Amino acid sequence: MSGRTLLATIIVIAGTITTSFFQSSQEVYLVVADARTGETLLESPMKTGEELTISWIHSVEKTPWNETYQIQEDNLLLKSTSFQSYGAGVPHQSGDAKTENGMIIYENIDEHFDELSWIHSHDAKHEITVNDETLVAVEDLPHHESIRLFVEKR
C-alpha cells in the first residue's frame, strides 16, 4: 500500500469514528410546547428506551385512559394503551388485548409517532410520567391550550 493510499485510508477511518462519536453523543430531549405559539413549556433530557406514560380522564366516558410510549432517538413508539370501556376512536385492531383489574389493555402496538398533540385540560387531568415519576402534573400546562409533545436530538 502506498503512502498516499494509507493516509487516505486513515483519514476515512478517523472521519467515520469521529462522526459516529458525535452522533452517539447527541442527547435526546423530550419537549412539550404550546402548539399555537411554539413556546417551549418543558424540556427534559431522556434516554432512548425510557418509557413515558400519558394519562387522562376520557371526556365522554369519564374513565381513566393511559398510553405508554418508548422514547426513540427521534420519535415515540406507542407500546401499550389501557382504558375501561370501548367507545368511538378506541383502537381495537392493533396489539395484543387482555383485561386486568377492570382495564382493557392493548400491548405490543409498536406504532411510531413523530409527535403527540392534544388540547390540555385540567378537567381531564392530563398527566405525564416517566419511569413512574410525574414529569408533568395537571396544572403544569395551561388549561385549554393546544399542546405538542415530541423527541428532539441535540
Protein backbone atom coordinates (compact mmCIF):
# COMPACT_ATOMS: atom_id res chain seq x y z
CA MET A 1 0.00 0.00 0.00
CA SER A 2 1.45 3.37 -0.98
CA GLY A 3 1.87 6.22 1.49
CA ARG A 4 -0.97 8.21 -0.11
CA THR A 5 -3.37 5.26 0.00
CA LEU A 6 -2.50 4.58 3.63
CA LEU A 7 -3.01 8.25 4.54
CA ALA A 8 -6.36 8.37 2.72
CA THR A 9 -7.48 5.18 4.50
CA ILE A 10 -6.51 6.60 7.90
CA ILE A 11 -8.39 9.85 7.18
CA VAL A 12 -11.55 7.95 6.15
CA ILE A 13 -11.40 5.73 9.25
CA ALA A 14 -10.78 8.72 11.56
CA GLY A 15 -13.68 10.61 9.96
CA THR A 16 -16.02 7.64 10.39
CA ILE A 17 -15.05 7.22 14.06
CA THR A 18 -15.45 10.96 14.74
CA THR A 19 -18.86 11.08 13.04
CA SER A 20 -20.06 8.02 14.95
CA PHE A 21 -18.86 9.51 18.24
CA PHE A 22 -20.67 12.82 17.73
CA GLN A 23 -23.87 11.14 16.54
CA SER A 24 -23.92 8.81 19.53
CA SER A 25 -23.08 11.62 21.96
CA GLN A 26 -26.11 13.66 20.96
CA GLU A 27 -28.63 13.93 23.75
CA VAL A 28 -32.30 13.14 23.35
CA TYR A 29 -34.79 15.59 24.87
CA LEU A 30 -38.49 15.31 25.50
CA VAL A 31 -40.05 18.64 24.54
CA VAL A 32 -43.52 19.87 25.50
CA ALA A 33 -44.55 23.03 23.65
CA ASP A 34 -47.52 25.31 23.12
CA ALA A 35 -48.73 24.32 19.63
CA ARG A 36 -50.08 27.80 18.85
CA THR A 37 -47.12 29.94 19.94
CA GLY A 38 -44.30 27.41 19.70
CA GLU A 39 -43.19 28.33 23.24
CA THR A 40 -41.32 25.51 24.94
CA LEU A 41 -43.08 24.66 28.19
CA LEU A 42 -40.80 21.83 29.28
CA GLU A 43 -37.57 20.19 28.16
CA SER A 44 -36.25 17.09 29.83
CA PRO A 45 -33.19 15.03 28.90
CA MET A 46 -34.15 11.42 28.19
CA LYS A 47 -32.51 8.13 27.36
CA THR A 48 -33.66 6.06 24.42
CA GLY A 49 -35.69 3.16 25.73
CA GLU A 50 -37.18 5.06 28.67
CA GLU A 51 -40.96 4.85 28.98
CA LEU A 52 -43.33 7.80 29.04
CA THR A 53 -46.99 7.45 30.06
CA ILE A 54 -49.68 10.00 29.30
CA SER A 55 -52.78 9.65 31.48
CA TRP A 56 -56.11 11.45 31.39
CA ILE A 57 -59.82 11.08 32.06
CA HIS A 58 -61.85 10.46 28.89
CA SER A 59 -64.15 13.43 28.23
CA VAL A 60 -67.24 11.35 27.38
CA GLU A 61 -66.78 8.12 29.31
CA LYS A 62 -65.27 9.86 32.38
CA THR A 63 -62.92 6.89 32.84
CA PRO A 64 -59.10 6.72 33.03
CA TRP A 65 -57.03 6.30 29.89
CA ASN A 66 -53.28 5.62 29.69
CA GLU A 67 -50.89 5.44 26.77
CA THR A 68 -47.31 4.27 27.25
CA TYR A 69 -44.62 5.22 24.75
CA GLN A 70 -40.97 4.25 24.48
CA ILE A 71 -38.54 7.09 23.79
CA GLN A 72 -36.73 6.56 20.48
CA GLU A 73 -33.91 8.68 19.03
CA ASP A 74 -36.28 10.87 17.04
CA ASN A 75 -39.83 9.69 17.74
CA LEU A 76 -42.15 7.99 20.19
CA LEU A 77 -43.11 4.32 19.95
CA LEU A 78 -46.59 3.51 21.29
CA LYS A 79 -46.18 0.32 23.31
CA SER A 80 -49.49 -0.01 25.14
CA THR A 81 -52.78 1.64 25.96
CA SER A 82 -55.29 0.92 28.70
CA PHE A 83 -58.87 2.04 29.29
CA GLN A 84 -62.05 0.84 30.99
CA SER A 85 -64.52 0.66 28.12
CA TYR A 86 -64.72 0.76 24.34
CA GLY A 87 -66.06 3.81 22.55
CA ALA A 88 -65.53 5.95 19.46
CA GLY A 89 -61.87 6.16 18.46
CA VAL A 90 -60.73 3.32 20.68
CA PRO A 91 -58.14 1.14 18.95
CA HIS A 92 -59.23 -2.46 18.72
CA GLN A 93 -57.21 -3.99 15.91
CA SER A 94 -53.62 -3.45 16.93
CA GLY A 95 -51.55 -5.17 19.56
CA ASP A 96 -52.42 -7.95 21.97
CA ALA A 97 -55.52 -7.45 24.14
CA LYS A 98 -56.11 -8.55 27.71
CA THR A 99 -58.13 -7.43 30.72
CA GLU A 100 -56.64 -6.78 34.12
CA ASN A 101 -58.12 -5.09 37.22
CA GLY A 102 -61.11 -3.79 35.26
CA MET A 103 -58.96 -2.29 32.49
CA ILE A 104 -58.73 -3.31 28.84
CA ILE A 105 -55.05 -3.33 27.92
CA TYR A 106 -53.54 -3.42 24.45
CA GLU A 107 -49.81 -4.24 24.39
CA ASN A 108 -47.23 -4.64 21.61
CA ILE A 109 -48.86 -1.93 19.50
CA ASP A 110 -45.46 -0.70 18.23
CA GLU A 111 -46.71 2.33 16.29
CA HIS A 112 -44.32 5.26 15.73
CA PHE A 113 -45.33 8.90 16.24
CA ASP A 114 -43.24 11.95 15.34
CA GLU A 115 -45.23 13.97 17.85
CA LEU A 116 -48.34 13.87 20.01
CA SER A 117 -50.81 16.71 20.29
CA TRP A 118 -53.87 17.39 22.41
CA ILE A 119 -55.93 20.19 23.93
CA HIS A 120 -54.75 20.25 27.52
CA SER A 121 -57.49 20.24 30.12
CA HIS A 122 -57.19 20.47 33.86
CA ASP A 123 -60.65 18.85 33.99
CA ALA A 124 -59.38 15.81 32.08
CA LYS A 125 -56.44 15.57 34.48
CA HIS A 126 -53.76 15.12 31.79
CA GLU A 127 -50.53 13.96 33.40
CA ILE A 128 -47.18 12.77 32.04
CA THR A 129 -44.97 10.31 33.90
CA VAL A 130 -41.54 8.94 33.03
CA ASN A 131 -40.36 5.75 34.68
CA ASP A 132 -43.30 6.01 37.11
CA GLU A 133 -42.33 9.53 38.26
CA THR A 134 -44.54 12.53 37.49
CA LEU A 135 -42.84 14.77 34.93
CA VAL A 136 -45.84 16.98 34.15
CA ALA A 137 -48.68 17.39 36.65
CA VAL A 138 -52.14 18.54 35.60
CA GLU A 139 -51.60 22.21 36.49
CA ASP A 140 -48.11 22.41 34.95
CA LEU A 141 -49.55 23.10 31.49
CA PRO A 142 -52.00 25.86 30.53
CA HIS A 143 -55.71 24.98 30.61
CA HIS A 144 -57.50 24.68 27.23
CA GLU A 145 -54.34 25.17 25.17
CA SER A 146 -53.14 23.06 22.27
CA ILE A 147 -50.02 21.12 23.32
CA ARG A 148 -47.32 19.31 21.31
CA LEU A 149 -45.01 16.65 22.72
CA PHE A 150 -42.04 15.37 20.73
CA VAL A 151 -38.50 14.00 20.98
CA GLU A 152 -35.55 16.04 19.75
CA LYS A 153 -31.88 15.11 19.30
CA ARG A 154 -29.30 17.78 20.15
